[in-house]
Amino acid sequence: MVDPPVVDELSDEACITEVKNVYRKTVSHALNLKETARRHACAIGRKYEECNLIVCHIGGGISITAHKHGRMVNGNDAGGLSSWFGTSNSDEIHALVEKNDATAVRVWNAMIYQIIKWIGMMSTVLKGNVDGIVLTGSLLRFPEIQQRIEESCGWIAPISAYPGDAEQEAMAINALQVLRGELVPKNYSGHPVWNGFRTDC
């Protein structure tokens, strides 16, 4: 398994909730998020472990995450279009937007608004020290999403887009790195990975 949805690199502060002994669990599109972050770091001539990035998977689900020096230290996982429209077919939903259906326009705009809001939140997690905002996922085929993110968030950091996803490639790349001895695989015991707060952060 490579970078599964429950990759937990959250900071201690991100784990705390408003209820004692109830802790926030991480769920995200980690496989595509991390692979796209690595590709972007390479594209700008740096290592992933050297960068602070806000990485956004905008597809069948939406994850907005903060990556600090190779660790995904905060983020969210959201959806909701299928609840509103009874389908997860974004082409059908966007066709309603293009027909100026009032509900479709409102919900579509709200989706983009929430993405923008979460990007802003993740910038504070990184204390404004953001090397780039990286967009990926299948919904980038609708150009207004990237356009509105650029209009609202371009002042935070440069924005780069990698439409689609790289999940199949990510699994192959990581398997090859293990076979070449470049990456040491981890052994999972079946017990929960999280067992209290970290002391090395």
N, C-alpha and C. Protein backbone atom coordinates (compact mmCIF):
# COMPACT_ATOMS: atom_id res chain seq x y z
N MET A 1 0.84 -1.18 0.00
CA MET A 1 0.00 0.00 0.00
C MET A 1 0.89 1.25 0.00
N VAL A 2 0.48 2.25 -0.75
CA VAL A 2 1.26 3.47 -0.87
C VAL A 2 0.39 4.68 -0.52
N ASP A 3 0.85 5.51 0.41
CA ASP A 3 0.15 6.74 0.78
C ASP A 3 -1.38 6.55 0.79
N PRO A 4 -1.90 5.70 1.69
CA PRO A 4 -3.34 5.43 1.73
C PRO A 4 -4.12 6.64 2.22
N PRO A 5 -5.45 6.62 2.08
CA PRO A 5 -6.27 7.77 2.48
C PRO A 5 -6.12 8.18 3.95
N VAL A 6 -5.68 7.26 4.79
CA VAL A 6 -5.57 7.57 6.21
C VAL A 6 -4.13 7.86 6.64
N VAL A 7 -3.27 8.26 5.70
CA VAL A 7 -1.92 8.71 6.07
C VAL A 7 -2.05 9.76 7.17
N ASP A 8 -1.39 9.53 8.30
CA ASP A 8 -1.53 10.45 9.45
C ASP A 8 -0.19 11.10 9.74
N GLU A 9 -0.05 12.34 9.28
CA GLU A 9 1.12 13.14 9.59
C GLU A 9 0.69 14.46 10.24
N LEU A 10 -0.54 14.47 10.79
CA LEU A 10 -1.07 15.69 11.39
C LEU A 10 -0.21 16.16 12.55
N SER A 11 -0.13 17.46 12.71
CA SER A 11 0.52 18.01 13.90
C SER A 11 -0.36 17.72 15.11
N ASP A 12 0.24 17.77 16.29
CA ASP A 12 -0.54 17.55 17.51
C ASP A 12 -1.72 18.51 17.60
N GLU A 13 -1.47 19.76 17.25
CA GLU A 13 -2.54 20.77 17.34
C GLU A 13 -3.70 20.42 16.43
N ALA A 14 -3.40 19.84 15.27
CA ALA A 14 -4.46 19.49 14.33
C ALA A 14 -5.30 18.31 14.81
N CYS A 15 -4.74 17.50 15.70
CA CYS A 15 -5.46 16.32 16.21
C CYS A 15 -6.51 16.68 17.26
N ILE A 16 -6.29 17.77 17.97
CA ILE A 16 -7.18 18.15 19.07
C ILE A 16 -8.53 18.62 18.53
N THR A 17 -9.61 18.19 19.18
CA THR A 17 -10.95 18.69 18.86
C THR A 17 -11.51 19.40 20.09
N GLU A 18 -12.75 19.84 19.96
CA GLU A 18 -13.39 20.56 21.06
C GLU A 18 -13.85 19.62 22.18
N VAL A 19 -13.77 18.32 21.95
CA VAL A 19 -14.24 17.33 22.92
C VAL A 19 -13.05 16.51 23.43
N LYS A 20 -12.87 16.48 24.74
CA LYS A 20 -11.75 15.76 25.33
C LYS A 20 -11.78 14.29 24.92
N ASN A 21 -10.61 13.77 24.57
CA ASN A 21 -10.41 12.38 24.19
C ASN A 21 -11.07 11.99 22.86
N VAL A 22 -11.56 12.97 22.13
CA VAL A 22 -12.02 12.73 20.76
C VAL A 22 -11.06 13.46 19.84
N TYR A 23 -10.36 12.71 19.01
CA TYR A 23 -9.29 13.29 18.21
C TYR A 23 -9.63 13.28 16.73
N ARG A 24 -9.16 14.27 16.03
CA ARG A 24 -9.43 14.39 14.60
C ARG A 24 -8.62 13.35 13.84
N LYS A 25 -9.28 12.61 12.98
CA LYS A 25 -8.61 11.61 12.16
C LYS A 25 -8.39 12.17 10.76
N THR A 26 -7.30 11.79 10.18
CA THR A 26 -6.99 12.28 8.85
C THR A 26 -7.55 11.35 7.79
N VAL A 27 -8.26 11.92 6.84
CA VAL A 27 -8.73 11.21 5.66
C VAL A 27 -8.57 12.16 4.48
N SER A 28 -7.89 11.72 3.43
CA SER A 28 -7.67 12.59 2.28
C SER A 28 -7.29 11.73 1.07
N HIS A 29 -7.16 12.40 -0.06
CA HIS A 29 -6.69 11.72 -1.28
C HIS A 29 -5.16 11.72 -1.28
N ALA A 30 -4.60 11.09 -0.25
CA ALA A 30 -3.17 11.20 0.02
C ALA A 30 -2.30 10.72 -1.13
N LEU A 31 -2.72 9.66 -1.82
CA LEU A 31 -1.88 9.10 -2.88
C LEU A 31 -1.62 10.14 -3.97
N ASN A 32 -2.68 10.77 -4.46
CA ASN A 32 -2.52 11.78 -5.50
C ASN A 32 -1.92 13.07 -4.95
N LEU A 33 -2.30 13.45 -3.74
CA LEU A 33 -1.78 14.68 -3.14
C LEU A 33 -0.26 14.63 -3.00
N LYS A 34 0.23 13.54 -2.44
CA LYS A 34 1.66 13.45 -2.17
C LYS A 34 2.46 13.30 -3.47
N GLU A 35 1.96 12.49 -4.41
CA GLU A 35 2.67 12.33 -5.67
C GLU A 35 2.73 13.64 -6.44
N THR A 36 1.60 14.38 -6.45
CA THR A 36 1.59 15.66 -7.16
C THR A 36 2.51 16.66 -6.47
N ALA A 37 2.56 16.62 -5.15
CA ALA A 37 3.47 17.51 -4.42
C ALA A 37 4.92 17.20 -4.78
N ARG A 38 5.25 15.92 -4.86
CA ARG A 38 6.62 15.54 -5.22
C ARG A 38 6.96 15.99 -6.64
N ARG A 39 6.01 15.81 -7.55
CA ARG A 39 6.24 16.23 -8.95
C ARG A 39 6.41 17.74 -9.05
N HIS A 40 5.61 18.47 -8.28
CA HIS A 40 5.73 19.92 -8.34
C HIS A 40 7.07 20.37 -7.78
N ALA A 41 7.48 19.78 -6.66
CA ALA A 41 8.78 20.13 -6.08
C ALA A 41 9.89 19.90 -7.10
N CYS A 42 9.83 18.77 -7.79
CA CYS A 42 10.83 18.47 -8.82
C CYS A 42 10.78 19.51 -9.94
N ALA A 43 9.57 19.93 -10.31
CA ALA A 43 9.40 20.90 -11.40
C ALA A 43 10.02 22.25 -11.07
N ILE A 44 10.05 22.59 -9.78
CA ILE A 44 10.64 23.88 -9.38
C ILE A 44 12.07 23.72 -8.89
N GLY A 45 12.64 22.52 -9.12
CA GLY A 45 14.04 22.30 -8.80
C GLY A 45 14.34 22.10 -7.33
N ARG A 46 13.36 21.58 -6.59
CA ARG A 46 13.56 21.37 -5.16
C ARG A 46 13.10 19.98 -4.76
N LYS A 47 13.40 19.60 -3.53
CA LYS A 47 12.91 18.34 -2.99
C LYS A 47 11.61 18.59 -2.23
N TYR A 48 10.73 17.61 -2.27
CA TYR A 48 9.46 17.71 -1.53
C TYR A 48 9.70 18.04 -0.07
N GLU A 49 10.72 17.43 0.50
CA GLU A 49 11.02 17.63 1.92
C GLU A 49 11.54 19.03 2.23
N GLU A 50 11.82 19.83 1.22
CA GLU A 50 12.29 21.20 1.41
C GLU A 50 11.18 22.23 1.28
N CYS A 51 9.99 21.78 0.84
CA CYS A 51 8.94 22.74 0.46
C CYS A 51 7.81 22.83 1.47
N ASN A 52 7.17 23.99 1.48
CA ASN A 52 5.88 24.20 2.13
C ASN A 52 4.86 24.41 1.03
N LEU A 53 3.90 23.51 0.93
CA LEU A 53 2.94 23.56 -0.17
C LEU A 53 1.51 23.40 0.34
N ILE A 54 0.59 24.06 -0.35
CA ILE A 54 -0.83 23.78 -0.18
C ILE A 54 -1.24 22.97 -1.41
N VAL A 55 -1.66 21.74 -1.19
CA VAL A 55 -1.97 20.84 -2.30
C VAL A 55 -3.46 20.50 -2.25
N CYS A 56 -4.13 20.69 -3.38
CA CYS A 56 -5.58 20.55 -3.46
C CYS A 56 -5.97 19.49 -4.47
N HIS A 57 -6.59 18.41 -4.01
CA HIS A 57 -7.17 17.41 -4.92
C HIS A 57 -8.63 17.82 -5.12
N ILE A 58 -8.97 18.15 -6.36
CA ILE A 58 -10.32 18.62 -6.68
C ILE A 58 -10.89 17.68 -7.74
N GLY A 59 -11.55 16.62 -7.26
CA GLY A 59 -12.07 15.61 -8.16
C GLY A 59 -13.37 15.04 -7.64
N GLY A 60 -13.48 13.69 -7.67
CA GLY A 60 -14.68 13.04 -7.15
C GLY A 60 -14.89 13.34 -5.67
N GLY A 61 -13.84 13.66 -4.98
CA GLY A 61 -13.86 14.22 -3.63
C GLY A 61 -12.90 15.39 -3.63
N ILE A 62 -12.88 16.13 -2.56
CA ILE A 62 -12.02 17.31 -2.49
C ILE A 62 -11.21 17.27 -1.20
N SER A 63 -9.89 17.38 -1.34
CA SER A 63 -9.00 17.45 -0.18
C SER A 63 -8.10 18.67 -0.33
N ILE A 64 -8.07 19.51 0.68
CA ILE A 64 -7.19 20.67 0.71
C ILE A 64 -6.21 20.45 1.86
N THR A 65 -4.91 20.39 1.56
CA THR A 65 -3.95 19.96 2.58
C THR A 65 -2.73 20.87 2.64
N ALA A 66 -2.16 20.96 3.83
CA ALA A 66 -0.92 21.71 4.05
C ALA A 66 0.23 20.72 4.20
N HIS A 67 1.27 20.90 3.39
CA HIS A 67 2.45 20.02 3.41
C HIS A 67 3.64 20.84 3.88
N LYS A 68 4.21 20.43 4.99
CA LYS A 68 5.33 21.15 5.59
C LYS A 68 6.55 20.24 5.59
N HIS A 69 7.52 20.56 4.73
CA HIS A 69 8.78 19.81 4.66
C HIS A 69 8.55 18.30 4.59
N GLY A 70 7.68 17.89 3.68
CA GLY A 70 7.48 16.46 3.44
C GLY A 70 6.44 15.79 4.31
N ARG A 71 5.74 16.55 5.15
CA ARG A 71 4.69 15.97 6.00
C ARG A 71 3.38 16.71 5.72
N MET A 72 2.32 15.94 5.58
CA MET A 72 0.99 16.51 5.37
C MET A 72 0.39 16.80 6.75
N VAL A 73 0.61 18.01 7.24
CA VAL A 73 0.37 18.32 8.65
C VAL A 73 -1.06 18.76 8.96
N ASN A 74 -1.85 19.05 7.93
CA ASN A 74 -3.25 19.44 8.18
C ASN A 74 -4.01 19.32 6.87
N GLY A 75 -5.32 19.28 6.98
CA GLY A 75 -6.13 19.22 5.78
C GLY A 75 -7.56 18.81 6.07
N ASN A 76 -8.33 18.76 5.00
CA ASN A 76 -9.72 18.32 5.12
C ASN A 76 -10.08 17.43 3.94
N ASP A 77 -11.24 16.80 4.04
CA ASP A 77 -11.78 15.98 2.96
C ASP A 77 -13.26 16.31 2.84
N ALA A 78 -13.68 16.72 1.65
CA ALA A 78 -15.08 17.18 1.51
C ALA A 78 -15.69 16.68 0.23
N GLY A 79 -16.99 16.79 0.16
CA GLY A 79 -17.75 16.43 -1.02
C GLY A 79 -19.10 17.13 -0.94
N GLY A 80 -20.12 16.51 -1.49
CA GLY A 80 -21.46 17.07 -1.31
C GLY A 80 -22.28 17.24 -2.57
N LEU A 81 -21.65 17.25 -3.74
CA LEU A 81 -22.42 17.45 -4.96
C LEU A 81 -23.45 16.33 -5.17
N SER A 82 -23.06 15.08 -4.88
CA SER A 82 -24.00 13.98 -5.08
C SER A 82 -25.19 14.07 -4.13
N SER A 83 -24.95 14.61 -2.93
CA SER A 83 -26.07 14.80 -1.99
C SER A 83 -27.08 15.79 -2.53
N TRP A 84 -26.60 16.84 -3.15
CA TRP A 84 -27.49 17.88 -3.69
C TRP A 84 -28.21 17.44 -4.95
N PHE A 85 -27.52 16.66 -5.78
CA PHE A 85 -28.05 16.39 -7.12
C PHE A 85 -28.39 14.93 -7.39
N GLY A 86 -28.08 14.05 -6.44
CA GLY A 86 -28.41 12.65 -6.63
C GLY A 86 -27.54 11.95 -7.65
N THR A 87 -26.43 12.56 -8.02
CA THR A 87 -25.47 11.97 -8.95
C THR A 87 -24.08 12.49 -8.64
N SER A 88 -23.08 11.67 -8.92
CA SER A 88 -21.69 12.13 -8.78
C SER A 88 -21.10 12.47 -10.13
N ASN A 89 -21.93 12.50 -11.16
CA ASN A 89 -21.47 12.83 -12.51
C ASN A 89 -21.33 14.34 -12.63
N SER A 90 -20.11 14.82 -12.53
CA SER A 90 -19.89 16.27 -12.53
C SER A 90 -20.21 16.91 -13.87
N ASP A 91 -20.13 16.14 -14.96
CA ASP A 91 -20.50 16.69 -16.27
C ASP A 91 -21.99 17.02 -16.31
N GLU A 92 -22.81 16.14 -15.73
CA GLU A 92 -24.25 16.41 -15.67
C GLU A 92 -24.54 17.62 -14.80
N ILE A 93 -23.84 17.71 -13.68
CA ILE A 93 -24.06 18.84 -12.77
C ILE A 93 -23.62 20.14 -13.42
N HIS A 94 -22.45 20.12 -14.07
CA HIS A 94 -21.96 21.34 -14.70
C HIS A 94 -22.84 21.75 -15.87
N ALA A 95 -23.48 20.78 -16.53
CA ALA A 95 -24.41 21.12 -17.61
C ALA A 95 -25.58 21.94 -17.06
N LEU A 96 -25.99 21.64 -15.82
CA LEU A 96 -27.04 22.43 -15.18
C LEU A 96 -26.54 23.84 -14.88
N VAL A 97 -25.28 23.94 -14.47
CA VAL A 97 -24.68 25.26 -14.23
C VAL A 97 -24.69 26.07 -15.51
N GLU A 98 -24.29 25.44 -16.61
CA GLU A 98 -24.25 26.15 -17.89
C GLU A 98 -25.64 26.58 -18.37
N LYS A 99 -26.68 25.85 -17.92
CA LYS A 99 -28.06 26.22 -18.26
C LYS A 99 -28.61 27.26 -17.29
N ASN A 100 -27.74 27.70 -16.34
CA ASN A 100 -28.09 28.72 -15.36
C ASN A 100 -29.18 28.26 -14.39
N ASP A 101 -29.19 26.95 -14.10
CA ASP A 101 -30.08 26.43 -13.07
C ASP A 101 -29.69 27.05 -11.73
N ALA A 102 -30.64 27.68 -11.06
CA ALA A 102 -30.33 28.48 -9.87
C ALA A 102 -29.66 27.66 -8.77
N THR A 103 -30.19 26.48 -8.49
CA THR A 103 -29.60 25.64 -7.44
C THR A 103 -28.21 25.17 -7.83
N ALA A 104 -28.06 24.74 -9.07
CA ALA A 104 -26.76 24.24 -9.52
C ALA A 104 -25.70 25.33 -9.45
N VAL A 105 -26.05 26.53 -9.90
CA VAL A 105 -25.10 27.65 -9.85
C VAL A 105 -24.71 27.96 -8.42
N ARG A 106 -25.69 27.98 -7.54
CA ARG A 106 -25.42 28.32 -6.13
C ARG A 106 -24.51 27.28 -5.48
N VAL A 107 -24.83 26.00 -5.68
CA VAL A 107 -24.05 24.94 -5.04
C VAL A 107 -22.65 24.85 -5.66
N TRP A 108 -22.55 24.98 -6.98
CA TRP A 108 -21.24 24.95 -7.65
C TRP A 108 -20.35 26.09 -7.15
N ASN A 109 -20.92 27.28 -7.05
CA ASN A 109 -20.17 28.42 -6.53
C ASN A 109 -19.77 28.22 -5.08
N ALA A 110 -20.65 27.59 -4.31
CA ALA A 110 -20.34 27.32 -2.91
C ALA A 110 -19.18 26.33 -2.79
N MET A 111 -19.13 25.35 -3.70
CA MET A 111 -18.03 24.39 -3.71
C MET A 111 -16.70 25.12 -3.93
N ILE A 112 -16.67 25.99 -4.92
CA ILE A 112 -15.44 26.74 -5.20
C ILE A 112 -15.11 27.66 -4.02
N TYR A 113 -16.11 28.27 -3.44
CA TYR A 113 -15.91 29.15 -2.28
C TYR A 113 -15.25 28.38 -1.13
N GLN A 114 -15.72 27.16 -0.87
CA GLN A 114 -15.16 26.36 0.22
C GLN A 114 -13.72 25.98 -0.06
N ILE A 115 -13.40 25.66 -1.32
CA ILE A 115 -12.01 25.36 -1.69
C ILE A 115 -11.12 26.56 -1.39
N ILE A 116 -11.57 27.73 -1.83
CA ILE A 116 -10.81 28.96 -1.61
C ILE A 116 -10.62 29.23 -0.12
N LYS A 117 -11.68 29.04 0.64
CA LYS A 117 -11.61 29.27 2.09
C LYS A 117 -10.59 28.34 2.75
N TRP A 118 -10.61 27.07 2.36
CA TRP A 118 -9.69 26.11 2.95
C TRP A 118 -8.25 26.36 2.54
N ILE A 119 -8.03 26.83 1.32
CA ILE A 119 -6.67 27.21 0.92
C ILE A 119 -6.16 28.32 1.84
N GLY A 120 -7.00 29.31 2.09
CA GLY A 120 -6.62 30.38 3.01
C GLY A 120 -6.30 29.86 4.40
N MET A 121 -7.11 28.92 4.89
CA MET A 121 -6.86 28.34 6.20
C MET A 121 -5.52 27.59 6.25
N MET A 122 -5.24 26.84 5.19
CA MET A 122 -3.98 26.10 5.17
C MET A 122 -2.77 27.03 5.09
N SER A 123 -2.96 28.22 4.51
CA SER A 123 -1.84 29.17 4.46
C SER A 123 -1.48 29.65 5.86
N THR A 124 -2.46 29.73 6.75
CA THR A 124 -2.15 30.13 8.12
C THR A 124 -1.45 29.01 8.88
N VAL A 125 -1.78 27.77 8.55
CA VAL A 125 -1.09 26.63 9.16
C VAL A 125 0.41 26.70 8.84
N LEU A 126 0.72 27.17 7.64
CA LEU A 126 2.12 27.29 7.21
C LEU A 126 2.70 28.67 7.51
N LYS A 127 1.95 29.45 8.30
CA LYS A 127 2.38 30.78 8.74
C LYS A 127 2.72 31.70 7.56
N GLY A 128 2.01 31.51 6.46
CA GLY A 128 2.22 32.35 5.29
C GLY A 128 3.46 32.02 4.49
N ASN A 129 4.23 31.05 4.96
CA ASN A 129 5.46 30.65 4.26
C ASN A 129 5.11 29.53 3.29
N VAL A 130 4.52 29.90 2.16
CA VAL A 130 4.00 28.94 1.20
C VAL A 130 4.79 29.05 -0.11
N ASP A 131 5.41 27.94 -0.50
CA ASP A 131 6.20 27.93 -1.73
C ASP A 131 5.33 27.80 -2.97
N GLY A 132 4.14 27.26 -2.80
CA GLY A 132 3.26 27.12 -3.95
C GLY A 132 1.91 26.53 -3.56
N ILE A 133 0.90 26.86 -4.35
CA ILE A 133 -0.42 26.25 -4.24
C ILE A 133 -0.55 25.33 -5.44
N VAL A 134 -0.76 24.05 -5.18
CA VAL A 134 -0.74 23.03 -6.23
C VAL A 134 -2.14 22.45 -6.38
N LEU A 135 -2.69 22.54 -7.59
CA LEU A 135 -4.03 22.04 -7.87
C LEU A 135 -3.94 20.77 -8.70
N THR A 136 -4.75 19.77 -8.37
CA THR A 136 -4.80 18.53 -9.13
C THR A 136 -6.21 17.97 -9.04
N GLY A 137 -6.51 17.02 -9.90
CA GLY A 137 -7.83 16.39 -9.87
C GLY A 137 -8.63 16.61 -11.14
N SER A 138 -9.65 15.79 -11.30
CA SER A 138 -10.42 15.77 -12.55
C SER A 138 -11.29 17.00 -12.77
N LEU A 139 -11.70 17.69 -11.70
CA LEU A 139 -12.59 18.84 -11.87
C LEU A 139 -11.87 20.06 -12.45
N LEU A 140 -10.55 20.00 -12.56
CA LEU A 140 -9.83 21.11 -13.18
C LEU A 140 -10.13 21.23 -14.67
N ARG A 141 -10.86 20.25 -15.22
CA ARG A 141 -11.27 20.39 -16.62
C ARG A 141 -12.31 21.49 -16.80
N PHE A 142 -12.87 21.97 -15.69
CA PHE A 142 -13.78 23.11 -15.74
C PHE A 142 -12.96 24.36 -15.39
N PRO A 143 -12.61 25.18 -16.37
CA PRO A 143 -11.61 26.24 -16.17
C PRO A 143 -11.97 27.28 -15.13
N GLU A 144 -13.26 27.48 -14.83
CA GLU A 144 -13.61 28.53 -13.87
C GLU A 144 -13.14 28.20 -12.47
N ILE A 145 -12.91 26.91 -12.17
CA ILE A 145 -12.44 26.54 -10.84
C ILE A 145 -11.05 27.10 -10.61
N GLN A 146 -10.14 26.80 -11.50
CA GLN A 146 -8.77 27.33 -11.37
C GLN A 146 -8.77 28.85 -11.45
N GLN A 147 -9.57 29.40 -12.34
CA GLN A 147 -9.60 30.85 -12.51
C GLN A 147 -10.01 31.55 -11.22
N ARG A 148 -11.04 31.06 -10.57
CA ARG A 148 -11.50 31.71 -9.34
C ARG A 148 -10.54 31.49 -8.18
N ILE A 149 -9.88 30.34 -8.15
CA ILE A 149 -8.85 30.11 -7.13
C ILE A 149 -7.71 31.10 -7.32
N GLU A 150 -7.30 31.30 -8.56
CA GLU A 150 -6.23 32.26 -8.85
C GLU A 150 -6.63 33.67 -8.46
N GLU A 151 -7.87 34.05 -8.73
CA GLU A 151 -8.34 35.38 -8.39
C GLU A 151 -8.33 35.62 -6.89
N SER A 152 -8.68 34.60 -6.11
CA SER A 152 -8.79 34.77 -4.66
C SER A 152 -7.52 34.43 -3.89
N CYS A 153 -6.70 33.53 -4.43
CA CYS A 153 -5.57 33.01 -3.66
C CYS A 153 -4.21 33.27 -4.28
N GLY A 154 -4.19 33.89 -5.46
CA GLY A 154 -2.91 34.12 -6.13
C GLY A 154 -1.94 34.97 -5.34
N TRP A 155 -2.46 35.77 -4.42
CA TRP A 155 -1.59 36.61 -3.59
C TRP A 155 -0.84 35.81 -2.53
N ILE A 156 -1.33 34.60 -2.24
CA ILE A 156 -0.70 33.79 -1.19
C ILE A 156 0.62 33.19 -1.70
N ALA A 157 0.57 32.61 -2.89
CA ALA A 157 1.74 31.95 -3.47
C ALA A 157 1.45 31.64 -4.93
N PRO A 158 2.48 31.34 -5.73
CA PRO A 158 2.24 30.94 -7.12
C PRO A 158 1.35 29.70 -7.18
N ILE A 159 0.47 29.67 -8.18
CA ILE A 159 -0.47 28.56 -8.34
C ILE A 159 -0.09 27.75 -9.57
N SER A 160 -0.01 26.43 -9.39
CA SER A 160 0.31 25.52 -10.49
C SER A 160 -0.76 24.44 -10.56
N ALA A 161 -1.10 24.02 -11.78
CA ALA A 161 -2.16 23.03 -11.96
C ALA A 161 -1.62 21.78 -12.65
N TYR A 162 -2.03 20.62 -12.13
CA TYR A 162 -1.72 19.31 -12.69
C TYR A 162 -3.05 18.56 -12.83
N PRO A 163 -3.81 18.84 -13.89
CA PRO A 163 -5.14 18.24 -14.04
C PRO A 163 -5.09 16.71 -14.05
N GLY A 164 -6.21 16.10 -13.68
CA GLY A 164 -6.27 14.65 -13.61
C GLY A 164 -5.64 14.15 -12.32
N ASP A 165 -5.17 12.92 -12.33
CA ASP A 165 -4.50 12.39 -11.15
C ASP A 165 -3.34 11.49 -11.56
N ALA A 166 -2.48 11.21 -10.60
CA ALA A 166 -1.28 10.41 -10.86
C ALA A 166 -1.23 9.21 -9.93
N GLU A 167 -2.40 8.67 -9.59
CA GLU A 167 -2.44 7.63 -8.57
C GLU A 167 -1.83 6.31 -9.05
N GLN A 168 -2.12 5.90 -10.28
CA GLN A 168 -1.54 4.65 -10.79
C GLN A 168 -0.02 4.77 -10.88
N GLU A 169 0.42 5.91 -11.41
CA GLU A 169 1.86 6.13 -11.52
C GLU A 169 2.53 6.17 -10.16
N ALA A 170 1.84 6.76 -9.18
CA ALA A 170 2.41 6.86 -7.83
C ALA A 170 2.67 5.48 -7.23
N MET A 171 1.73 4.56 -7.42
CA MET A 171 1.93 3.21 -6.89
C MET A 171 3.10 2.53 -7.59
N ALA A 172 3.19 2.69 -8.91
CA ALA A 172 4.29 2.06 -9.65
C ALA A 172 5.64 2.66 -9.24
N ILE A 173 5.69 3.98 -9.14
CA ILE A 173 6.94 4.66 -8.78
C ILE A 173 7.43 4.21 -7.41
N ASN A 174 6.54 4.14 -6.43
CA ASN A 174 6.93 3.75 -5.08
C ASN A 174 7.36 2.28 -5.04
N ALA A 175 6.68 1.41 -5.79
CA ALA A 175 7.07 0.00 -5.83
C ALA A 175 8.48 -0.14 -6.43
N LEU A 176 8.75 0.61 -7.50
CA LEU A 176 10.07 0.57 -8.11
C LEU A 176 11.15 1.08 -7.15
N GLN A 177 10.83 2.12 -6.39
CA GLN A 177 11.80 2.66 -5.43
C GLN A 177 12.13 1.63 -4.35
N VAL A 178 11.14 0.85 -3.93
CA VAL A 178 11.40 -0.22 -2.96
C VAL A 178 12.28 -1.29 -3.58
N LEU A 179 11.95 -1.70 -4.81
CA LEU A 179 12.74 -2.73 -5.48
C LEU A 179 14.19 -2.30 -5.72
N ARG A 180 14.38 -0.99 -5.94
CA ARG A 180 15.74 -0.47 -6.18
C ARG A 180 16.49 -0.17 -4.89
N GLY A 181 15.82 -0.33 -3.75
CA GLY A 181 16.45 -0.04 -2.48
C GLY A 181 16.49 1.43 -2.14
N GLU A 182 15.72 2.24 -2.87
CA GLU A 182 15.70 3.69 -2.63
C GLU A 182 14.70 4.08 -1.56
N LEU A 183 13.78 3.18 -1.26
CA LEU A 183 12.72 3.45 -0.29
C LEU A 183 12.56 2.22 0.58
N VAL A 184 12.56 2.42 1.89
CA VAL A 184 12.43 1.29 2.83
C VAL A 184 10.95 1.11 3.17
N PRO A 185 10.39 -0.07 2.87
CA PRO A 185 8.97 -0.29 3.19
C PRO A 185 8.76 -0.38 4.70
N LYS A 186 7.57 -0.02 5.13
CA LYS A 186 7.20 -0.10 6.54
C LYS A 186 6.35 -1.34 6.78
N ASN A 187 6.50 -1.90 7.96
CA ASN A 187 5.68 -3.05 8.33
C ASN A 187 4.57 -2.59 9.27
N TYR A 188 3.34 -2.97 8.93
CA TYR A 188 2.20 -2.59 9.76
C TYR A 188 1.71 -3.79 10.54
N SER A 189 1.56 -3.59 11.84
CA SER A 189 1.20 -4.69 12.74
C SER A 189 -0.30 -4.96 12.76
N GLY A 190 -1.09 -4.06 12.25
CA GLY A 190 -2.54 -4.20 12.36
C GLY A 190 -3.10 -3.40 13.51
N HIS A 191 -2.21 -2.91 14.37
CA HIS A 191 -2.64 -2.06 15.48
C HIS A 191 -2.71 -0.61 15.01
N PRO A 192 -3.56 0.21 15.65
CA PRO A 192 -3.64 1.62 15.24
C PRO A 192 -2.27 2.28 15.27
N VAL A 193 -1.98 3.05 14.22
CA VAL A 193 -0.69 3.73 14.14
C VAL A 193 -0.58 4.82 15.18
N TRP A 194 -1.68 5.57 15.38
CA TRP A 194 -1.65 6.70 16.32
C TRP A 194 -1.83 6.17 17.74
N ASN A 195 -0.89 6.48 18.59
CA ASN A 195 -0.93 5.99 19.97
C ASN A 195 -0.47 7.11 20.90
N GLY A 196 -1.13 8.24 20.81
CA GLY A 196 -0.75 9.36 21.64
C GLY A 196 -0.02 10.41 20.83
N PHE A 197 0.28 11.51 21.47
CA PHE A 197 0.87 12.65 20.76
C PHE A 197 2.35 12.41 20.50
N ARG A 198 2.81 13.02 19.41
CA ARG A 198 4.22 12.89 19.04
C ARG A 198 5.10 13.76 19.94
N THR A 199 6.33 13.36 20.05
CA THR A 199 7.29 14.19 20.80
C THR A 199 8.39 14.70 19.88
N ASP A 200 8.29 14.32 18.57
CA ASP A 200 9.37 14.69 17.64
C ASP A 200 8.98 15.82 16.71
N CYS A 201 7.86 16.49 16.95
CA CYS A 201 7.39 17.55 16.06
C CYS A 201 7.75 18.92 16.58
